[in-house]
Amino acid sequence: MTRKDLISWMNGQIRAGKMSLDESTPFVALGMSIPANGNSLEDSYAPSERLNFIEIANRGIEGALSRHDENEAKALQNVLDVMQKNMASR
């Protein structure tokens, strides 16, 4: 799935009433690419690049837990659960 696909799917879920705006926040973060070097978003944002968002979410959970950020870990776990449920229903 591309970042653009993820954002389109998320927007569809919101329009269908299956996801609240609050629930979408972690998906928005996954759908963005923010460069570590502080350059403009254009340097790293590749909306057509196919990515494994489950892997990205898992790495995010690991990072959040290493920083003792339980809220972020929980939010990303919810994202992971939604993605896995969506994939199972296809």
PDB file of N, CA and C in Angstrom:
ATOM      1  N   MET A   1       0.855  -1.171   0.000  1.00  0.00           N
ATOM      2  CA  MET A   1       0.000   0.000   0.000  1.00  0.00           C
ATOM      3  C   MET A   1       0.903   1.237   0.000  1.00  0.00           C
ATOM      4  N   THR A   2       0.479   2.264  -0.689  1.00  0.00           N
ATOM      5  CA  THR A   2       1.237   3.509  -0.707  1.00  0.00           C
ATOM      6  C   THR A   2       0.712   4.439   0.390  1.00  0.00           C
ATOM      7  N   ARG A   3       1.470   5.495   0.664  1.00  0.00           N
ATOM      8  CA  ARG A   3       0.998   6.488   1.639  1.00  0.00           C
ATOM      9  C   ARG A   3      -0.331   7.085   1.160  1.00  0.00           C
ATOM     10  N   LYS A   4      -0.414   7.345  -0.128  1.00  0.00           N
ATOM     11  CA  LYS A   4      -1.636   7.903  -0.701  1.00  0.00           C
ATOM     12  C   LYS A   4      -2.805   6.928  -0.527  1.00  0.00           C
ATOM     13  N   ASP A   5      -2.547   5.625  -0.751  1.00  0.00           N
ATOM     14  CA  ASP A   5      -3.587   4.603  -0.556  1.00  0.00           C
ATOM     15  C   ASP A   5      -4.057   4.584   0.896  1.00  0.00           C
ATOM     16  N   LEU A   6      -3.103   4.674   1.817  1.00  0.00           N
ATOM     17  CA  LEU A   6      -3.447   4.636   3.239  1.00  0.00           C
ATOM     18  C   LEU A   6      -4.347   5.818   3.607  1.00  0.00           C
ATOM     19  N   ILE A   7      -3.967   7.008   3.156  1.00  0.00           N
ATOM     20  CA  ILE A   7      -4.761   8.193   3.474  1.00  0.00           C
ATOM     21  C   ILE A   7      -6.139   8.107   2.823  1.00  0.00           C
ATOM     22  N   SER A   8      -6.208   7.632   1.591  1.00  0.00           N
ATOM     23  CA  SER A   8      -7.503   7.476   0.913  1.00  0.00           C
ATOM     24  C   SER A   8      -8.385   6.479   1.647  1.00  0.00           C
ATOM     25  N   TRP A   9      -7.797   5.351   2.063  1.00  0.00           N
ATOM     26  CA  TRP A   9      -8.557   4.346   2.817  1.00  0.00           C
ATOM     27  C   TRP A   9      -9.065   4.944   4.118  1.00  0.00           C
ATOM     28  N   MET A  10      -8.174   5.656   4.842  1.00  0.00           N
ATOM     29  CA  MET A  10      -8.542   6.260   6.114  1.00  0.00           C
ATOM     30  C   MET A  10      -9.686   7.249   5.924  1.00  0.00           C
ATOM     31  N   ASN A  11      -9.591   8.101   4.895  1.00  0.00           N
ATOM     32  CA  ASN A  11     -10.663   9.071   4.640  1.00  0.00           C
ATOM     33  C   ASN A  11     -11.982   8.364   4.337  1.00  0.00           C
ATOM     34  N   GLY A  12     -11.919   7.254   3.612  1.00  0.00           N
ATOM     35  CA  GLY A  12     -13.125   6.476   3.338  1.00  0.00           C
ATOM     36  C   GLY A  12     -13.739   5.906   4.606  1.00  0.00           C
ATOM     37  N   GLN A  13     -12.887   5.462   5.517  1.00  0.00           N
ATOM     38  CA  GLN A  13     -13.365   4.931   6.793  1.00  0.00           C
ATOM     39  C   GLN A  13     -14.052   6.024   7.611  1.00  0.00           C
ATOM     40  N   ILE A  14     -13.486   7.224   7.579  1.00  0.00           N
ATOM     41  CA  ILE A  14     -14.079   8.350   8.305  1.00  0.00           C
ATOM     42  C   ILE A  14     -15.425   8.709   7.685  1.00  0.00           C
ATOM     43  N   ARG A  15     -15.461   8.827   6.361  1.00  0.00           N
ATOM     44  CA  ARG A  15     -16.731   9.169   5.683  1.00  0.00           C
ATOM     45  C   ARG A  15     -17.807   8.121   5.934  1.00  0.00           C
ATOM     46  N   ALA A  16     -17.418   6.852   6.036  1.00  0.00           N
ATOM     47  CA  ALA A  16     -18.379   5.771   6.266  1.00  0.00           C
ATOM     48  C   ALA A  16     -18.775   5.653   7.738  1.00  0.00           C
ATOM     49  N   GLY A  17     -18.168   6.469   8.593  1.00  0.00           N
ATOM     50  CA  GLY A  17     -18.485   6.421  10.018  1.00  0.00           C
ATOM     51  C   GLY A  17     -17.835   5.268  10.749  1.00  0.00           C
ATOM     52  N   LYS A  18     -16.851   4.639  10.133  1.00  0.00           N
ATOM     53  CA  LYS A  18     -16.172   3.496  10.749  1.00  0.00           C
ATOM     54  C   LYS A  18     -14.953   3.921  11.569  1.00  0.00           C
ATOM     55  N   MET A  19     -14.570   5.203  11.453  1.00  0.00           N
ATOM     56  CA  MET A  19     -13.413   5.700  12.172  1.00  0.00           C
ATOM     57  C   MET A  19     -13.668   7.166  12.524  1.00  0.00           C
ATOM     58  N   SER A  20     -13.319   7.531  13.751  1.00  0.00           N
ATOM     59  CA  SER A  20     -13.466   8.924  14.158  1.00  0.00           C
ATOM     60  C   SER A  20     -12.198   9.695  13.768  1.00  0.00           C
ATOM     61  N   LEU A  21     -12.307  11.017  13.806  1.00  0.00           N
ATOM     62  CA  LEU A  21     -11.125  11.831  13.524  1.00  0.00           C
ATOM     63  C   LEU A  21     -10.015  11.555  14.538  1.00  0.00           C
ATOM     64  N   ASP A  22     -10.393  11.366  15.797  1.00  0.00           N
ATOM     65  CA  ASP A  22      -9.389  11.047  16.817  1.00  0.00           C
ATOM     66  C   ASP A  22      -8.691   9.725  16.508  1.00  0.00           C
ATOM     67  N   GLU A  23      -9.452   8.739  16.074  1.00  0.00           N
ATOM     68  CA  GLU A  23      -8.879   7.436  15.748  1.00  0.00           C
ATOM     69  C   GLU A  23      -7.971   7.512  14.523  1.00  0.00           C
ATOM     70  N   SER A  24      -8.192   8.508  13.681  1.00  0.00           N
ATOM     71  CA  SER A  24      -7.406   8.615  12.451  1.00  0.00           C
ATOM     72  C   SER A  24      -6.029   9.235  12.652  1.00  0.00           C
ATOM     73  N   THR A  25      -5.807   9.888  13.766  1.00  0.00           N
ATOM     74  CA  THR A  25      -4.552  10.612  13.988  1.00  0.00           C
ATOM     75  C   THR A  25      -3.307   9.761  13.762  1.00  0.00           C
ATOM     76  N   PRO A  26      -3.217   8.546  14.323  1.00  0.00           N
ATOM     77  CA  PRO A  26      -2.017   7.743  14.063  1.00  0.00           C
ATOM     78  C   PRO A  26      -1.885   7.332  12.594  1.00  0.00           C
ATOM     79  N   PHE A  27      -3.010   7.170  11.902  1.00  0.00           N
ATOM     80  CA  PHE A  27      -2.957   6.830  10.481  1.00  0.00           C
ATOM     81  C   PHE A  27      -2.391   8.001   9.684  1.00  0.00           C
ATOM     82  N   VAL A  28      -2.765   9.215  10.073  1.00  0.00           N
ATOM     83  CA  VAL A  28      -2.225  10.400   9.405  1.00  0.00           C
ATOM     84  C   VAL A  28      -0.708  10.427   9.573  1.00  0.00           C
ATOM     85  N   ALA A  29      -0.252  10.132  10.781  1.00  0.00           N
ATOM     86  CA  ALA A  29       1.197  10.114  11.038  1.00  0.00           C
ATOM     87  C   ALA A  29       1.892   9.069  10.164  1.00  0.00           C
ATOM     88  N   LEU A  30       1.282   7.894  10.012  1.00  0.00           N
ATOM     89  CA  LEU A  30       1.870   6.865   9.157  1.00  0.00           C
ATOM     90  C   LEU A  30       1.842   7.291   7.690  1.00  0.00           C
ATOM     91  N   GLY A  31       0.854   8.070   7.318  1.00  0.00           N
ATOM     92  CA  GLY A  31       0.714   8.495   5.938  1.00  0.00           C
ATOM     93  C   GLY A  31       1.615   9.645   5.544  1.00  0.00           C
ATOM     94  N   MET A  32       2.297  10.212   6.532  1.00  0.00           N
ATOM     95  CA  MET A  32       3.214  11.311   6.255  1.00  0.00           C
ATOM     96  C   MET A  32       4.640  10.799   6.274  1.00  0.00           C
ATOM     97  N   SER A  33       5.497  11.516   5.617  1.00  0.00           N
ATOM     98  CA  SER A  33       6.922  11.221   5.661  1.00  0.00           C
ATOM     99  C   SER A  33       7.624  12.494   6.078  1.00  0.00           C
ATOM    100  N   ILE A  34       8.175  12.488   7.269  1.00  0.00           N
ATOM    101  CA  ILE A  34       8.851  13.677   7.781  1.00  0.00           C
ATOM    102  C   ILE A  34      10.344  13.390   7.822  1.00  0.00           C
ATOM    103  N   PRO A  35      11.140  14.155   7.087  1.00  0.00           N
ATOM    104  CA  PRO A  35      12.570  13.892   7.025  1.00  0.00           C
ATOM    105  C   PRO A  35      13.261  14.169   8.356  1.00  0.00           C
ATOM    106  N   ALA A  36      14.191  13.314   8.713  1.00  0.00           N
ATOM    107  CA  ALA A  36      14.928  13.473   9.962  1.00  0.00           C
ATOM    108  C   ALA A  36      15.879  14.659   9.915  1.00  0.00           C
ATOM    109  N   ASN A  37      16.293  15.057   8.715  1.00  0.00           N
ATOM    110  CA  ASN A  37      17.271  16.136   8.605  1.00  0.00           C
ATOM    111  C   ASN A  37      16.638  17.522   8.602  1.00  0.00           C
ATOM    112  N   GLY A  38      15.330  17.594   8.671  1.00  0.00           N
ATOM    113  CA  GLY A  38      14.650  18.874   8.759  1.00  0.00           C
ATOM    114  C   GLY A  38      14.421  19.561   7.434  1.00  0.00           C
ATOM    115  N   ASN A  39      14.799  18.945   6.321  1.00  0.00           N
ATOM    116  CA  ASN A  39      14.545  19.535   5.013  1.00  0.00           C
ATOM    117  C   ASN A  39      13.063  19.485   4.707  1.00  0.00           C
ATOM    118  N   SER A  40      12.668  20.050   3.599  1.00  0.00           N
ATOM    119  CA  SER A  40      11.256  20.106   3.250  1.00  0.00           C
ATOM    120  C   SER A  40      10.684  18.706   3.061  1.00  0.00           C
ATOM    121  N   LEU A  41       9.389  18.607   3.197  1.00  0.00           N
ATOM    122  CA  LEU A  41       8.707  17.329   3.038  1.00  0.00           C
ATOM    123  C   LEU A  41       8.915  16.740   1.649  1.00  0.00           C
ATOM    124  N   GLU A  42       9.123  17.593   0.662  1.00  0.00           N
ATOM    125  CA  GLU A  42       9.296  17.104  -0.700  1.00  0.00           C
ATOM    126  C   GLU A  42      10.507  16.188  -0.840  1.00  0.00           C
ATOM    127  N   ASP A  43      11.482  16.342   0.052  1.00  0.00           N
ATOM    128  CA  ASP A  43      12.687  15.523  -0.023  1.00  0.00           C
ATOM    129  C   ASP A  43      12.415  14.050   0.241  1.00  0.00           C
ATOM    130  N   SER A  44      11.416  13.747   1.054  1.00  0.00           N
ATOM    131  CA  SER A  44      11.223  12.352   1.423  1.00  0.00           C
ATOM    132  C   SER A  44       9.798  11.847   1.193  1.00  0.00           C
ATOM    133  N   TYR A  45       8.874  12.706   0.881  1.00  0.00           N
ATOM    134  CA  TYR A  45       7.494  12.275   0.705  1.00  0.00           C
ATOM    135  C   TYR A  45       7.336  11.633  -0.660  1.00  0.00           C
ATOM    136  N   ALA A  46       7.035  10.361  -0.652  1.00  0.00           N
ATOM    137  CA  ALA A  46       6.843   9.615  -1.889  1.00  0.00           C
ATOM    138  C   ALA A  46       5.467   8.964  -1.848  1.00  0.00           C
ATOM    139  N   PRO A  47       4.426   9.677  -2.265  1.00  0.00           N
ATOM    140  CA  PRO A  47       3.069   9.147  -2.117  1.00  0.00           C
ATOM    141  C   PRO A  47       2.807   7.880  -2.915  1.00  0.00           C
ATOM    142  N   SER A  48       3.609   7.587  -3.926  1.00  0.00           N
ATOM    143  CA  SER A  48       3.360   6.388  -4.734  1.00  0.00           C
ATOM    144  C   SER A  48       4.263   5.214  -4.356  1.00  0.00           C
ATOM    145  N   GLU A  49       5.142   5.403  -3.380  1.00  0.00           N
ATOM    146  CA  GLU A  49       6.035   4.324  -2.942  1.00  0.00           C
ATOM    147  C   GLU A  49       5.244   3.314  -2.104  1.00  0.00           C
ATOM    148  N   ARG A  50       5.358   2.035  -2.439  1.00  0.00           N
ATOM    149  CA  ARG A  50       4.655   0.985  -1.700  1.00  0.00           C
ATOM    150  C   ARG A  50       5.426   0.691  -0.418  1.00  0.00           C
ATOM    151  N   LEU A  51       4.710   0.676   0.701  1.00  0.00           N
ATOM    152  CA  LEU A  51       5.318   0.465   2.008  1.00  0.00           C
ATOM    153  C   LEU A  51       4.566  -0.612   2.781  1.00  0.00           C
ATOM    154  N   ASN A  52       5.246  -1.220   3.724  1.00  0.00           N
ATOM    155  CA  ASN A  52       4.634  -2.196   4.617  1.00  0.00           C
ATOM    156  C   ASN A  52       4.276  -1.463   5.911  1.00  0.00           C
ATOM    157  N   PHE A  53       3.033  -0.991   6.002  1.00  0.00           N
ATOM    158  CA  PHE A  53       2.619  -0.194   7.152  1.00  0.00           C
ATOM    159  C   PHE A  53       2.515  -1.020   8.427  1.00  0.00           C
ATOM    160  N   ILE A  54       2.308  -2.314   8.300  1.00  0.00           N
ATOM    161  CA  ILE A  54       2.298  -3.168   9.491  1.00  0.00           C
ATOM    162  C   ILE A  54       3.694  -3.194  10.101  1.00  0.00           C
ATOM    163  N   GLU A  55       4.704  -3.323   9.261  1.00  0.00           N
ATOM    164  CA  GLU A  55       6.080  -3.296   9.744  1.00  0.00           C
ATOM    165  C   GLU A  55       6.414  -1.927  10.349  1.00  0.00           C
ATOM    166  N   ILE A  56       5.982  -0.872   9.692  1.00  0.00           N
ATOM    167  CA  ILE A  56       6.234   0.483  10.196  1.00  0.00           C
ATOM    168  C   ILE A  56       5.566   0.682  11.553  1.00  0.00           C
ATOM    169  N   ALA A  57       4.330   0.220  11.697  1.00  0.00           N
ATOM    170  CA  ALA A  57       3.623   0.339  12.974  1.00  0.00           C
ATOM    171  C   ALA A  57       4.324  -0.472  14.051  1.00  0.00           C
ATOM    172  N   ASN A  58       4.773  -1.677  13.714  1.00  0.00           N
ATOM    173  CA  ASN A  58       5.501  -2.496  14.692  1.00  0.00           C
ATOM    174  C   ASN A  58       6.778  -1.804  15.158  1.00  0.00           C
ATOM    175  N   ARG A  59       7.516  -1.208  14.225  1.00  0.00           N
ATOM    176  CA  ARG A  59       8.732  -0.476  14.607  1.00  0.00           C
ATOM    177  C   ARG A  59       8.386   0.729  15.470  1.00  0.00           C
ATOM    178  N   GLY A  60       7.280   1.383  15.156  1.00  0.00           N
ATOM    179  CA  GLY A  60       6.835   2.521  15.965  1.00  0.00           C
ATOM    180  C   GLY A  60       6.478   2.113  17.374  1.00  0.00           C
ATOM    181  N   ILE A  61       5.825   0.954  17.516  1.00  0.00           N
ATOM    182  CA  ILE A  61       5.487   0.442  18.849  1.00  0.00           C
ATOM    183  C   ILE A  61       6.762   0.167  19.636  1.00  0.00           C
ATOM    184  N   GLU A  62       7.720  -0.490  18.997  1.00  0.00           N
ATOM    185  CA  GLU A  62       8.994  -0.774  19.659  1.00  0.00           C
ATOM    186  C   GLU A  62       9.673   0.515  20.100  1.00  0.00           C
ATOM    187  N   GLY A  63       9.684   1.513  19.224  1.00  0.00           N
ATOM    188  CA  GLY A  63      10.296   2.795  19.568  1.00  0.00           C
ATOM    189  C   GLY A  63       9.581   3.479  20.720  1.00  0.00           C
ATOM    190  N   ALA A  64       8.256   3.467  20.686  1.00  0.00           N
ATOM    191  CA  ALA A  64       7.487   4.093  21.760  1.00  0.00           C
ATOM    192  C   ALA A  64       7.743   3.394  23.092  1.00  0.00           C
ATOM    193  N   LEU A  65       7.777   2.074  23.073  1.00  0.00           N
ATOM    194  CA  LEU A  65       8.040   1.341  24.313  1.00  0.00           C
ATOM    195  C   LEU A  65       9.446   1.616  24.826  1.00  0.00           C
ATOM    196  N   SER A  66      10.415   1.758  23.919  1.00  0.00           N
ATOM    197  CA  SER A  66      11.787   2.044  24.357  1.00  0.00           C
ATOM    198  C   SER A  66      11.880   3.437  24.984  1.00  0.00           C
ATOM    199  N   ARG A  67      10.979   4.337  24.584  1.00  0.00           N
ATOM    200  CA  ARG A  67      10.941   5.690  25.159  1.00  0.00           C
ATOM    201  C   ARG A  67       9.980   5.773  26.343  1.00  0.00           C
ATOM    202  N   HIS A  68       9.383   4.641  26.691  1.00  0.00           N
ATOM    203  CA  HIS A  68       8.393   4.559  27.772  1.00  0.00           C
ATOM    204  C   HIS A  68       7.177   5.434  27.474  1.00  0.00           C
ATOM    205  N   ASP A  69       6.814   5.518  26.214  1.00  0.00           N
ATOM    206  CA  ASP A  69       5.657   6.295  25.783  1.00  0.00           C
ATOM    207  C   ASP A  69       4.496   5.329  25.567  1.00  0.00           C
ATOM    208  N   GLU A  70       3.810   5.024  26.651  1.00  0.00           N
ATOM    209  CA  GLU A  70       2.722   4.048  26.608  1.00  0.00           C
ATOM    210  C   GLU A  70       1.550   4.521  25.752  1.00  0.00           C
ATOM    211  N   ASN A  71       1.283   5.829  25.749  1.00  0.00           N
ATOM    212  CA  ASN A  71       0.168   6.351  24.946  1.00  0.00           C
ATOM    213  C   ASN A  71       0.413   6.146  23.462  1.00  0.00           C
ATOM    214  N   GLU A  72       1.620   6.453  23.007  1.00  0.00           N
ATOM    215  CA  GLU A  72       1.953   6.265  21.595  1.00  0.00           C
ATOM    216  C   GLU A  72       1.933   4.783  21.226  1.00  0.00           C
ATOM    217  N   ALA A  73       2.470   3.947  22.108  1.00  0.00           N
ATOM    218  CA  ALA A  73       2.473   2.499  21.851  1.00  0.00           C
ATOM    219  C   ALA A  73       1.040   1.981  21.729  1.00  0.00           C
ATOM    220  N   LYS A  74       0.164   2.451  22.602  1.00  0.00           N
ATOM    221  CA  LYS A  74      -1.238   2.020  22.559  1.00  0.00           C
ATOM    222  C   LYS A  74      -1.915   2.496  21.273  1.00  0.00           C
ATOM    223  N   ALA A  75      -1.666   3.746  20.886  1.00  0.00           N
ATOM    224  CA  ALA A  75      -2.273   4.283  19.666  1.00  0.00           C
ATOM    225  C   ALA A  75      -1.806   3.487  18.449  1.00  0.00           C
ATOM    226  N   LEU A  76      -0.518   3.174  18.389  1.00  0.00           N
ATOM    227  CA  LEU A  76       0.002   2.402  17.264  1.00  0.00           C
ATOM    228  C   LEU A  76      -0.488   0.959  17.297  1.00  0.00           C
ATOM    229  N   GLN A  77      -0.681   0.400  18.481  1.00  0.00           N
ATOM    230  CA  GLN A  77      -1.231  -0.952  18.572  1.00  0.00           C
ATOM    231  C   GLN A  77      -2.656  -0.972  18.047  1.00  0.00           C
ATOM    232  N   ASN A  78      -3.418   0.089  18.339  1.00  0.00           N
ATOM    233  CA  ASN A  78      -4.780   0.196  17.795  1.00  0.00           C
ATOM    234  C   ASN A  78      -4.749   0.271  16.275  1.00  0.00           C
ATOM    235  N   VAL A  79      -3.798   1.042  15.724  1.00  0.00           N
ATOM    236  CA  VAL A  79      -3.633   1.137  14.275  1.00  0.00           C
ATOM    237  C   VAL A  79      -3.330  -0.245  13.703  1.00  0.00           C
ATOM    238  N   LEU A  80      -2.411  -0.947  14.334  1.00  0.00           N
ATOM    239  CA  LEU A  80      -2.019  -2.277  13.885  1.00  0.00           C
ATOM    240  C   LEU A  80      -3.218  -3.225  13.908  1.00  0.00           C
ATOM    241  N   ASP A  81      -4.000  -3.168  14.982  1.00  0.00           N
ATOM    242  CA  ASP A  81      -5.187  -4.025  15.088  1.00  0.00           C
ATOM    243  C   ASP A  81      -6.186  -3.731  13.968  1.00  0.00           C
ATOM    244  N   VAL A  82      -6.407  -2.448  13.678  1.00  0.00           N
ATOM    245  CA  VAL A  82      -7.343  -2.068  12.612  1.00  0.00           C
ATOM    246  C   VAL A  82      -6.826  -2.548  11.258  1.00  0.00           C
ATOM    247  N   MET A  83      -5.532  -2.358  11.009  1.00  0.00           N
ATOM    248  CA  MET A  83      -4.971  -2.787   9.728  1.00  0.00           C
ATOM    249  C   MET A  83      -5.067  -4.301   9.562  1.00  0.00           C
ATOM    250  N   GLN A  84      -4.755  -5.040  10.614  1.00  0.00           N
ATOM    251  CA  GLN A  84      -4.802  -6.498  10.523  1.00  0.00           C
ATOM    252  C   GLN A  84      -6.239  -6.983  10.353  1.00  0.00           C
ATOM    253  N   LYS A  85      -7.173  -6.350  11.031  1.00  0.00           N
ATOM    254  CA  LYS A  85      -8.584  -6.712  10.889  1.00  0.00           C
ATOM    255  C   LYS A  85      -9.057  -6.421   9.467  1.00  0.00           C
ATOM    256  N   ASN A  86      -8.656  -5.279   8.931  1.00  0.00           N
ATOM    257  CA  ASN A  86      -9.043  -4.898   7.563  1.00  0.00           C
ATOM    258  C   ASN A  86      -8.468  -5.884   6.553  1.00  0.00           C
ATOM    259  N   MET A  87      -7.241  -6.301   6.750  1.00  0.00           N
ATOM    260  CA  MET A  87      -6.626  -7.245   5.822  1.00  0.00           C
ATOM    261  C   MET A  87      -7.277  -8.615   5.906  1.00  0.00           C
ATOM    262  N   ALA A  88      -7.711  -9.008   7.098  1.00  0.00           N
ATOM    263  CA  ALA A  88      -8.354 -10.309   7.270  1.00  0.00           C
ATOM    264  C   ALA A  88      -9.726 -10.347   6.613  1.00  0.00           C
ATOM    265  N   SER A  89     -10.374  -9.171   6.529  1.00  0.00           N
ATOM    266  CA  SER A  89     -11.722  -9.135   5.944  1.00  0.00           C
ATOM    267  C   SER A  89     -11.703  -9.056   4.426  1.00  0.00           C
ATOM    268  N   ARG A  90     -10.534  -8.951   3.838  1.00  0.00           N
ATOM    269  CA  ARG A  90     -10.427  -8.869   2.357  1.00  0.00           C
ATOM    270  C   ARG A  90     -10.352 -10.215   1.739  1.00  0.00           C
TER     271      ARG A  90
END
